Amino acid sequence: MKKSIFFTLLFILVTLSSSKADTENQKIVYTCTNSEVKCYLYKTCDKLVSKCNLFRGKIYKMQEQEAKNMGKVLCSCGEVK
């Protein structure tokens, strides 16, 4: 009985710690809320801000996976058009 309780608690702790580690490993990126802007960047730049303003969007800071889920792709500042 004690072994089953121990292994259950161990399983819960391992599960919780691994999900927290996944979140901590995500990089923070910057993207525009407007769907016309297809890029995200690791650091914001003037070109991204200008393009986002042109499409009346807002710059958002989020985890990289969220940006990917929105259909955004990684770009460098020079690739923002």
C-alpha atoms as a PDB file:
ATOM      1  CA  MET A   1       0.000   0.000   0.000  1.00  0.00           C
ATOM      2  CA  LYS A   2       2.759   2.433   0.951  1.00  0.00           C
ATOM      3  CA  LYS A   3       4.626   1.639  -2.274  1.00  0.00           C
ATOM      4  CA  SER A   4       1.610   2.439  -4.427  1.00  0.00           C
ATOM      5  CA  ILE A   5       1.101   5.783  -2.669  1.00  0.00           C
ATOM      6  CA  PHE A   6       4.805   6.570  -3.056  1.00  0.00           C
ATOM      7  CA  PHE A   7       4.791   5.754  -6.786  1.00  0.00           C
ATOM      8  CA  THR A   8       1.584   7.733  -7.325  1.00  0.00           C
ATOM      9  CA  LEU A   9       3.088  10.792  -5.654  1.00  0.00           C
ATOM     10  CA  LEU A  10       6.329  10.332  -7.577  1.00  0.00           C
ATOM     11  CA  PHE A  11       4.405  10.145 -10.867  1.00  0.00           C
ATOM     12  CA  ILE A  12       2.492  13.344 -10.061  1.00  0.00           C
ATOM     13  CA  LEU A  13       5.689  15.208  -9.155  1.00  0.00           C
ATOM     14  CA  VAL A  14       7.489  14.087 -12.325  1.00  0.00           C
ATOM     15  CA  THR A  15       4.509  15.051 -14.483  1.00  0.00           C
ATOM     16  CA  LEU A  16       4.195  18.491 -12.920  1.00  0.00           C
ATOM     17  CA  SER A  17       7.904  19.232 -13.105  1.00  0.00           C
ATOM     18  CA  SER A  18       8.184  18.189 -16.757  1.00  0.00           C
ATOM     19  CA  SER A  19       5.268  20.396 -17.846  1.00  0.00           C
ATOM     20  CA  LYS A  20       6.790  23.336 -15.988  1.00  0.00           C
ATOM     21  CA  ALA A  21      10.157  22.706 -17.678  1.00  0.00           C
ATOM     22  CA  ASP A  22       8.489  22.725 -21.114  1.00  0.00           C
ATOM     23  CA  THR A  23       7.022  26.166 -20.410  1.00  0.00           C
ATOM     24  CA  GLU A  24      10.300  27.523 -19.072  1.00  0.00           C
ATOM     25  CA  ASN A  25      12.203  26.360 -22.180  1.00  0.00           C
ATOM     26  CA  GLN A  26       9.959  28.330 -24.531  1.00  0.00           C
ATOM     27  CA  LYS A  27      11.601  31.399 -26.016  1.00  0.00           C
ATOM     28  CA  ILE A  28       9.869  34.749 -25.813  1.00  0.00           C
ATOM     29  CA  VAL A  29       9.138  36.322 -29.202  1.00  0.00           C
ATOM     30  CA  TYR A  30       7.506  39.452 -30.582  1.00  0.00           C
ATOM     31  CA  THR A  31       4.816  39.534 -33.250  1.00  0.00           C
ATOM     32  CA  CYS A  32       1.970  41.677 -34.522  1.00  0.00           C
ATOM     33  CA  THR A  33      -1.646  40.916 -33.697  1.00  0.00           C
ATOM     34  CA  ASN A  34      -2.682  41.574 -37.312  1.00  0.00           C
ATOM     35  CA  SER A  35      -2.797  38.397 -39.409  1.00  0.00           C
ATOM     36  CA  GLU A  36      -1.293  40.235 -42.422  1.00  0.00           C
ATOM     37  CA  VAL A  37       2.051  40.296 -40.584  1.00  0.00           C
ATOM     38  CA  LYS A  38       3.326  36.718 -40.846  1.00  0.00           C
ATOM     39  CA  CYS A  39       6.603  37.061 -38.893  1.00  0.00           C
ATOM     40  CA  TYR A  40       7.750  36.787 -35.326  1.00  0.00           C
ATOM     41  CA  LEU A  41      11.137  37.876 -34.029  1.00  0.00           C
ATOM     42  CA  TYR A  42      13.245  37.163 -30.954  1.00  0.00           C
ATOM     43  CA  LYS A  43      13.849  40.901 -30.557  1.00  0.00           C
ATOM     44  CA  THR A  44      11.493  43.633 -31.678  1.00  0.00           C
ATOM     45  CA  CYS A  45      12.718  46.005 -34.386  1.00  0.00           C
ATOM     46  CA  ASP A  46      11.560  49.236 -36.029  1.00  0.00           C
ATOM     47  CA  LYS A  47      10.474  47.473 -39.237  1.00  0.00           C
ATOM     48  CA  LEU A  48       8.135  45.162 -37.329  1.00  0.00           C
ATOM     49  CA  VAL A  49       6.685  48.063 -35.349  1.00  0.00           C
ATOM     50  CA  SER A  50       6.162  50.136 -38.528  1.00  0.00           C
ATOM     51  CA  LYS A  51       4.492  47.300 -40.415  1.00  0.00           C
ATOM     52  CA  CYS A  52       2.319  46.454 -37.444  1.00  0.00           C
ATOM     53  CA  ASN A  53       1.238  50.097 -37.106  1.00  0.00           C
ATOM     54  CA  LEU A  54       0.490  50.222 -40.851  1.00  0.00           C
ATOM     55  CA  PHE A  55      -1.977  47.331 -40.434  1.00  0.00           C
ATOM     56  CA  ARG A  56      -3.351  48.814 -37.193  1.00  0.00           C
ATOM     57  CA  GLY A  57      -2.076  45.938 -35.117  1.00  0.00           C
ATOM     58  CA  LYS A  58      -0.260  45.788 -31.810  1.00  0.00           C
ATOM     59  CA  ILE A  59       3.085  44.242 -30.930  1.00  0.00           C
ATOM     60  CA  TYR A  60       2.623  41.316 -28.567  1.00  0.00           C
ATOM     61  CA  LYS A  61       5.229  39.501 -26.512  1.00  0.00           C
ATOM     62  CA  MET A  62       4.461  35.776 -26.262  1.00  0.00           C
ATOM     63  CA  GLN A  63       5.947  32.320 -26.170  1.00  0.00           C
ATOM     64  CA  GLU A  64       7.324  31.058 -29.455  1.00  0.00           C
ATOM     65  CA  GLN A  65       4.856  28.169 -29.638  1.00  0.00           C
ATOM     66  CA  GLU A  66       1.919  30.592 -29.387  1.00  0.00           C
ATOM     67  CA  ALA A  67       3.257  32.549 -32.358  1.00  0.00           C
ATOM     68  CA  LYS A  68       3.669  29.341 -34.352  1.00  0.00           C
ATOM     69  CA  ASN A  69       0.111  28.340 -33.465  1.00  0.00           C
ATOM     70  CA  MET A  70      -1.034  31.665 -34.928  1.00  0.00           C
ATOM     71  CA  GLY A  71       0.635  30.728 -38.244  1.00  0.00           C
ATOM     72  CA  LYS A  72       3.610  33.060 -37.769  1.00  0.00           C
ATOM     73  CA  VAL A  73       7.116  32.137 -38.921  1.00  0.00           C
ATOM     74  CA  LEU A  74      10.499  33.182 -37.592  1.00  0.00           C
ATOM     75  CA  CYS A  75      12.025  36.115 -39.494  1.00  0.00           C
ATOM     76  CA  SER A  76      14.982  38.417 -39.045  1.00  0.00           C
ATOM     77  CA  CYS A  77      14.366  42.166 -38.900  1.00  0.00           C
ATOM     78  CA  GLY A  78      15.599  42.526 -42.488  1.00  0.00           C
ATOM     79  CA  GLU A  79      12.999  40.043 -43.727  1.00  0.00           C
ATOM     80  CA  VAL A  80      10.037  42.040 -42.401  1.00  0.00           C
ATOM     81  CA  LYS A  81       8.391  43.607 -45.465  1.00  0.00           C
END
